[in-house]
Structures are given as structure tokens and as C-alpha cells.
Amino acid sequence: QVQLVESGGGLVQPGGSLRLSCAASGFTFNSYAMSWYRQASGKERELVAAISNLGYTINYADCAKGRFTISRDNAKKTMYLQMNSLLPEDTAVYYCKARRGSDEYWGQGIQVTVSS
């Protein structure tokens, strides 16, 4: 049974930091590229950052560049998103996704709220 479980979200003040985790099970984690998406209320889901299966290739959306860092630990079957200098516009539900070819799995999402 495939599972992707996000954790680490919550309420943070502007300028603060959060570290999201995505714990995977039920599939060969190190064979899958992983990514973080987010969806703000009333907006479409958007890519935040992506990392290749072995971590050699990383890409960031403009909204994440310079502030967010994606990483993965294949031994722990976990992906991370370190988010610094958070802004109110980073408020969204954050999702992790695993993809290999046509196989694609999503987590259930976790709320991140940036507010004073």
C-alpha cells in the first residue's frame, strides 16, 4: 500500500521557518522523483520544488528560489522542504508527490499558514 505522509506544517509568523517532511512507504522510494506542490485557497496547485530520484537534479519554482531547500534521504524514505523567510503568500496546503514514468502518487497535504 503506497503512502505519502506530510508533516511539519502549521502556523508561523512572517519571516519564520518551517521544515516539511514527506515520509514514503509502499514503493521503491529511490526509484522515484519527488516534488513539493502547494495550493492556496482559490488558486490552482503549483509546483514548488522537485528533486530527482538520487538527488542529483533539483529544480525550484521562482516562488521558492533563495528561500526554500528541497532534499531527500533515501535511507529514511523521506523528502524534506526547508522553508525560510516565509511570507503570507506562502500560505497554502503543501503536497508531496512521487513520480516514476506514468506512476504518480500524492500525499494528503498539510496546511502551512504564515500570519502574524
N, C-alpha and C. Protein backbone atom coordinates (compact mmCIF):
# COMPACT_ATOMS: atom_id res chain seq x y z
N GLN A 1 0.85 -1.19 0.00
CA GLN A 1 0.00 0.00 0.00
C GLN A 1 0.88 1.25 0.00
N VAL A 2 0.72 2.07 -1.02
CA VAL A 2 1.52 3.28 -1.14
C VAL A 2 1.01 4.34 -0.18
N GLN A 3 1.94 4.95 0.53
CA GLN A 3 1.58 6.07 1.41
C GLN A 3 2.63 7.17 1.32
N LEU A 4 2.15 8.39 1.26
CA LEU A 4 2.98 9.58 1.39
C LEU A 4 2.34 10.42 2.49
N VAL A 5 3.09 10.64 3.54
CA VAL A 5 2.53 11.35 4.69
C VAL A 5 3.36 12.59 4.98
N GLU A 6 2.72 13.76 4.80
CA GLU A 6 3.39 15.02 5.09
C GLU A 6 3.27 15.37 6.57
N SER A 7 4.28 16.05 7.07
CA SER A 7 4.24 16.53 8.45
C SER A 7 5.09 17.80 8.54
N GLY A 8 4.94 18.52 9.64
CA GLY A 8 5.76 19.71 9.88
C GLY A 8 5.10 21.03 9.56
N GLY A 9 3.87 20.99 9.09
CA GLY A 9 3.19 22.23 8.79
C GLY A 9 2.69 22.92 10.05
N GLY A 10 1.99 24.04 9.85
CA GLY A 10 1.44 24.75 10.99
C GLY A 10 1.39 26.24 10.75
N LEU A 11 1.26 26.97 11.84
CA LEU A 11 1.18 28.43 11.81
C LEU A 11 2.54 29.01 12.15
N VAL A 12 3.00 29.95 11.35
CA VAL A 12 4.28 30.60 11.58
C VAL A 12 4.15 32.08 11.23
N GLN A 13 4.92 32.91 11.92
CA GLN A 13 4.90 34.33 11.63
C GLN A 13 5.70 34.65 10.38
N PRO A 14 5.37 35.74 9.71
CA PRO A 14 6.18 36.15 8.55
C PRO A 14 7.65 36.28 8.94
N GLY A 15 8.51 35.78 8.05
CA GLY A 15 9.94 35.76 8.32
C GLY A 15 10.41 34.51 9.02
N GLY A 16 9.49 33.69 9.46
CA GLY A 16 9.84 32.47 10.17
C GLY A 16 10.19 31.32 9.23
N SER A 17 10.41 30.17 9.83
CA SER A 17 10.83 28.98 9.09
C SER A 17 9.99 27.78 9.48
N LEU A 18 9.87 26.87 8.55
CA LEU A 18 9.25 25.57 8.80
C LEU A 18 10.00 24.53 7.98
N ARG A 19 9.99 23.32 8.47
CA ARG A 19 10.56 22.20 7.72
C ARG A 19 9.48 21.15 7.53
N LEU A 20 9.10 20.95 6.29
CA LEU A 20 8.12 19.91 5.97
C LEU A 20 8.85 18.60 5.69
N SER A 21 8.20 17.52 6.07
CA SER A 21 8.70 16.18 5.76
C SER A 21 7.63 15.41 5.01
N CYS A 22 8.08 14.50 4.18
CA CYS A 22 7.17 13.60 3.46
C CYS A 22 7.73 12.20 3.60
N ALA A 23 7.07 11.40 4.41
CA ALA A 23 7.51 10.03 4.66
C ALA A 23 6.81 9.09 3.69
N ALA A 24 7.59 8.27 3.00
CA ALA A 24 7.06 7.38 1.97
C ALA A 24 7.11 5.93 2.40
N SER A 25 6.16 5.16 1.91
CA SER A 25 6.17 3.73 2.14
C SER A 25 5.36 3.06 1.03
N GLY A 26 5.64 1.77 0.83
CA GLY A 26 4.85 1.00 -0.13
C GLY A 26 5.36 1.04 -1.56
N PHE A 27 6.48 1.70 -1.80
CA PHE A 27 7.07 1.70 -3.13
C PHE A 27 8.58 1.93 -3.00
N THR A 28 9.29 1.72 -4.10
CA THR A 28 10.74 1.84 -4.09
C THR A 28 11.12 3.31 -4.17
N PHE A 29 11.29 3.90 -3.00
CA PHE A 29 11.45 5.34 -2.90
C PHE A 29 12.58 5.87 -3.78
N ASN A 30 13.72 5.20 -3.79
CA ASN A 30 14.87 5.74 -4.51
C ASN A 30 14.76 5.58 -6.02
N SER A 31 13.65 5.06 -6.49
CA SER A 31 13.41 4.99 -7.93
C SER A 31 12.50 6.10 -8.42
N TYR A 32 12.01 6.89 -7.51
CA TYR A 32 11.02 7.90 -7.84
C TYR A 32 11.56 9.31 -7.65
N ALA A 33 11.29 10.16 -8.64
CA ALA A 33 11.48 11.59 -8.44
C ALA A 33 10.41 12.07 -7.48
N MET A 34 10.79 13.07 -6.70
CA MET A 34 9.87 13.60 -5.70
C MET A 34 9.71 15.11 -5.89
N SER A 35 8.59 15.61 -5.48
CA SER A 35 8.37 17.04 -5.61
C SER A 35 7.39 17.53 -4.55
N TRP A 36 7.45 18.83 -4.32
CA TRP A 36 6.51 19.52 -3.45
C TRP A 36 5.65 20.45 -4.32
N TYR A 37 4.37 20.40 -4.06
CA TYR A 37 3.41 21.31 -4.68
C TYR A 37 2.69 22.06 -3.56
N ARG A 38 2.03 23.12 -3.94
CA ARG A 38 1.18 23.81 -2.97
C ARG A 38 -0.06 24.34 -3.69
N GLN A 39 -1.10 24.50 -2.89
CA GLN A 39 -2.35 25.05 -3.42
C GLN A 39 -2.93 26.01 -2.40
N ALA A 40 -2.94 27.27 -2.79
CA ALA A 40 -3.56 28.29 -1.94
C ALA A 40 -5.06 28.30 -2.21
N SER A 41 -5.79 28.81 -1.26
CA SER A 41 -7.25 28.84 -1.39
C SER A 41 -7.65 29.63 -2.62
N GLY A 42 -8.48 29.01 -3.47
CA GLY A 42 -8.97 29.67 -4.66
C GLY A 42 -8.00 29.69 -5.82
N LYS A 43 -6.85 29.04 -5.66
CA LYS A 43 -5.84 29.03 -6.73
C LYS A 43 -5.54 27.61 -7.16
N GLU A 44 -4.89 27.50 -8.31
CA GLU A 44 -4.51 26.20 -8.81
C GLU A 44 -3.28 25.67 -8.06
N ARG A 45 -3.15 24.37 -8.05
CA ARG A 45 -1.98 23.75 -7.45
C ARG A 45 -0.75 24.09 -8.29
N GLU A 46 0.34 24.42 -7.61
CA GLU A 46 1.55 24.81 -8.34
C GLU A 46 2.77 24.07 -7.79
N LEU A 47 3.71 23.82 -8.69
CA LEU A 47 4.96 23.19 -8.31
C LEU A 47 5.80 24.16 -7.49
N VAL A 48 6.39 23.65 -6.42
CA VAL A 48 7.28 24.44 -5.59
C VAL A 48 8.73 24.04 -5.84
N ALA A 49 9.01 22.74 -5.77
CA ALA A 49 10.37 22.25 -5.94
C ALA A 49 10.34 20.78 -6.30
N ALA A 50 11.38 20.32 -6.98
CA ALA A 50 11.45 18.92 -7.38
C ALA A 50 12.88 18.42 -7.23
N ILE A 51 13.00 17.14 -6.97
CA ILE A 51 14.31 16.52 -6.79
C ILE A 51 14.30 15.15 -7.46
N SER A 52 15.36 14.82 -8.17
CA SER A 52 15.43 13.55 -8.88
C SER A 52 15.59 12.39 -7.89
N ASN A 53 15.49 11.18 -8.40
CA ASN A 53 15.43 10.02 -7.52
C ASN A 53 16.66 9.86 -6.63
N LEU A 54 17.83 10.23 -7.16
CA LEU A 54 19.04 10.13 -6.34
C LEU A 54 19.49 11.49 -5.81
N GLY A 55 18.72 12.50 -6.08
CA GLY A 55 19.02 13.82 -5.54
C GLY A 55 19.99 14.66 -6.32
N TYR A 56 20.36 14.19 -7.51
CA TYR A 56 21.39 14.92 -8.27
C TYR A 56 20.83 16.14 -8.98
N THR A 57 19.55 16.12 -9.29
CA THR A 57 18.94 17.23 -10.02
C THR A 57 17.84 17.83 -9.16
N ILE A 58 17.91 19.14 -8.99
CA ILE A 58 16.94 19.87 -8.18
C ILE A 58 16.47 21.07 -8.97
N ASN A 59 15.19 21.31 -8.90
CA ASN A 59 14.61 22.49 -9.54
C ASN A 59 13.67 23.20 -8.58
N TYR A 60 13.65 24.51 -8.68
CA TYR A 60 12.77 25.32 -7.85
C TYR A 60 11.92 26.22 -8.72
N ALA A 61 10.68 26.42 -8.28
CA ALA A 61 9.86 27.46 -8.87
C ALA A 61 10.39 28.81 -8.40
N ASP A 62 10.04 29.85 -9.14
CA ASP A 62 10.52 31.18 -8.77
C ASP A 62 10.12 31.56 -7.35
N CYS A 63 8.96 31.10 -6.93
CA CYS A 63 8.47 31.46 -5.59
C CYS A 63 9.33 30.87 -4.48
N ALA A 64 10.12 29.82 -4.82
CA ALA A 64 10.90 29.12 -3.81
C ALA A 64 12.40 29.46 -3.85
N LYS A 65 12.84 29.98 -4.95
CA LYS A 65 14.28 30.21 -5.13
C LYS A 65 14.84 31.15 -4.07
N GLY A 66 15.93 30.70 -3.45
CA GLY A 66 16.60 31.52 -2.45
C GLY A 66 16.02 31.42 -1.05
N ARG A 67 14.84 30.80 -0.93
CA ARG A 67 14.20 30.71 0.39
C ARG A 67 13.95 29.27 0.83
N PHE A 68 13.64 28.41 -0.13
CA PHE A 68 13.30 27.02 0.18
C PHE A 68 14.41 26.09 -0.29
N THR A 69 14.56 24.98 0.43
CA THR A 69 15.53 23.96 0.05
C THR A 69 14.86 22.59 0.10
N ILE A 70 14.89 21.91 -1.02
CA ILE A 70 14.35 20.56 -1.07
C ILE A 70 15.49 19.57 -0.90
N SER A 71 15.22 18.48 -0.22
CA SER A 71 16.23 17.44 -0.04
C SER A 71 15.52 16.10 0.19
N ARG A 72 16.30 15.05 0.16
CA ARG A 72 15.73 13.72 0.41
C ARG A 72 16.77 12.85 1.08
N ASP A 73 16.29 11.90 1.85
CA ASP A 73 17.12 10.89 2.49
C ASP A 73 16.56 9.54 2.06
N ASN A 74 17.19 8.93 1.08
CA ASN A 74 16.65 7.68 0.55
C ASN A 74 16.71 6.54 1.56
N ALA A 75 17.66 6.59 2.47
CA ALA A 75 17.74 5.56 3.50
C ALA A 75 16.53 5.64 4.44
N LYS A 76 16.05 6.85 4.67
CA LYS A 76 14.88 7.04 5.54
C LYS A 76 13.59 7.12 4.75
N LYS A 77 13.68 7.06 3.42
CA LYS A 77 12.49 7.15 2.56
C LYS A 77 11.69 8.42 2.89
N THR A 78 12.39 9.50 3.00
CA THR A 78 11.76 10.75 3.39
C THR A 78 12.31 11.90 2.55
N MET A 79 11.41 12.80 2.20
CA MET A 79 11.78 14.03 1.49
C MET A 79 11.48 15.20 2.41
N TYR A 80 12.22 16.28 2.22
CA TYR A 80 12.08 17.44 3.08
C TYR A 80 11.92 18.71 2.26
N LEU A 81 11.33 19.71 2.89
CA LEU A 81 11.31 21.06 2.33
C LEU A 81 11.58 22.02 3.47
N GLN A 82 12.77 22.60 3.46
CA GLN A 82 13.11 23.62 4.43
C GLN A 82 12.66 24.96 3.87
N MET A 83 11.79 25.62 4.60
CA MET A 83 11.23 26.89 4.14
C MET A 83 11.66 27.99 5.10
N ASN A 84 12.40 28.95 4.57
CA ASN A 84 12.86 30.09 5.36
C ASN A 84 12.26 31.39 4.83
N SER A 85 12.36 32.43 5.63
CA SER A 85 11.86 33.75 5.23
C SER A 85 10.44 33.66 4.69
N LEU A 86 9.59 32.99 5.40
CA LEU A 86 8.23 32.75 4.92
C LEU A 86 7.44 34.04 4.83
N LEU A 87 6.58 34.08 3.82
CA LEU A 87 5.75 35.22 3.52
C LEU A 87 4.28 34.82 3.65
N PRO A 88 3.40 35.79 3.88
CA PRO A 88 1.97 35.44 3.93
C PRO A 88 1.50 34.74 2.65
N GLU A 89 2.07 35.09 1.53
CA GLU A 89 1.66 34.45 0.27
C GLU A 89 2.14 33.01 0.15
N ASP A 90 2.94 32.53 1.09
CA ASP A 90 3.31 31.11 1.12
C ASP A 90 2.22 30.27 1.78
N THR A 91 1.21 30.91 2.31
CA THR A 91 0.11 30.19 2.93
C THR A 91 -0.59 29.31 1.90
N ALA A 92 -0.66 28.03 2.20
CA ALA A 92 -1.24 27.07 1.26
C ALA A 92 -1.26 25.69 1.90
N VAL A 93 -1.92 24.77 1.23
CA VAL A 93 -1.77 23.36 1.55
C VAL A 93 -0.62 22.83 0.70
N TYR A 94 0.33 22.20 1.35
CA TYR A 94 1.51 21.68 0.67
C TYR A 94 1.38 20.17 0.50
N TYR A 95 1.67 19.71 -0.70
CA TYR A 95 1.55 18.30 -1.05
C TYR A 95 2.90 17.76 -1.53
N CYS A 96 3.17 16.51 -1.20
CA CYS A 96 4.31 15.86 -1.82
C CYS A 96 3.82 14.89 -2.87
N LYS A 97 4.65 14.70 -3.87
CA LYS A 97 4.30 13.82 -4.98
C LYS A 97 5.50 12.96 -5.34
N ALA A 98 5.22 11.71 -5.64
CA ALA A 98 6.23 10.79 -6.14
C ALA A 98 5.88 10.43 -7.57
N ARG A 99 6.88 10.39 -8.43
CA ARG A 99 6.61 10.07 -9.84
C ARG A 99 7.73 9.23 -10.44
N ARG A 100 7.31 8.20 -11.16
CA ARG A 100 8.25 7.42 -11.98
C ARG A 100 7.49 7.03 -13.23
N GLY A 101 7.86 7.61 -14.34
CA GLY A 101 7.14 7.36 -15.57
C GLY A 101 5.68 7.78 -15.41
N SER A 102 4.78 6.85 -15.68
CA SER A 102 3.35 7.15 -15.58
C SER A 102 2.80 6.90 -14.17
N ASP A 103 3.62 6.33 -13.29
CA ASP A 103 3.20 6.12 -11.90
C ASP A 103 3.33 7.42 -11.13
N GLU A 104 2.28 7.77 -10.42
CA GLU A 104 2.27 9.03 -9.69
C GLU A 104 1.47 8.86 -8.41
N TYR A 105 2.05 9.30 -7.29
CA TYR A 105 1.36 9.21 -6.01
C TYR A 105 1.41 10.57 -5.33
N TRP A 106 0.33 10.87 -4.60
CA TRP A 106 0.24 12.15 -3.89
C TRP A 106 0.01 11.90 -2.41
N GLY A 107 0.54 12.80 -1.60
CA GLY A 107 0.21 12.81 -0.20
C GLY A 107 -1.13 13.52 0.01
N GLN A 108 -1.59 13.52 1.25
CA GLN A 108 -2.90 14.10 1.55
C GLN A 108 -2.83 15.61 1.74
N GLY A 109 -1.63 16.13 1.89
CA GLY A 109 -1.46 17.56 2.03
C GLY A 109 -1.37 18.00 3.49
N ILE A 110 -0.70 19.13 3.70
CA ILE A 110 -0.58 19.68 5.03
C ILE A 110 -0.64 21.20 4.95
N GLN A 111 -1.34 21.78 5.90
CA GLN A 111 -1.56 23.23 5.88
C GLN A 111 -0.34 23.96 6.42
N VAL A 112 0.05 25.00 5.70
CA VAL A 112 1.05 25.96 6.17
C VAL A 112 0.39 27.33 6.14
N THR A 113 0.39 27.98 7.28
CA THR A 113 -0.21 29.31 7.38
C THR A 113 0.84 30.28 7.89
N VAL A 114 1.05 31.34 7.12
CA VAL A 114 2.02 32.37 7.51
C VAL A 114 1.24 33.63 7.84
N SER A 115 1.22 33.96 9.11
CA SER A 115 0.41 35.09 9.56
C SER A 115 0.92 35.60 10.89
N SER A 116 0.75 36.89 11.08
CA SER A 116 1.11 37.48 12.37
C SER A 116 -0.10 37.55 13.29
